[in-house]
C-alpha cells in the first residue's frame, strides 16, 4: 500500500491530568503502528492517530517506531 492510516485504539483522553488506561495500551499501539509500517511500499506515507492527548499514546509510540 502506498498510504496507511492507523487509527489506534486509545485510553480515555487526557483530562485534568488523568492518564486513563493509555499507559497500558502503549505496547499494543506500537504493534499496530508497526503493522501499518509493514504494509507500506517504498515512498508511502503513514498517518498515526489516536483519540487521546496522552504523550505515551502519541509521541512515545511514534518515537519507538521511528
Foldseek 3Di string as FASTA:
>chain_A
DQEEEAADEAADAQDPNDPGCRLVCLVVLLVSVVVRVVPHDPNHYYHYHYPYPDCSNPVVSVVVND
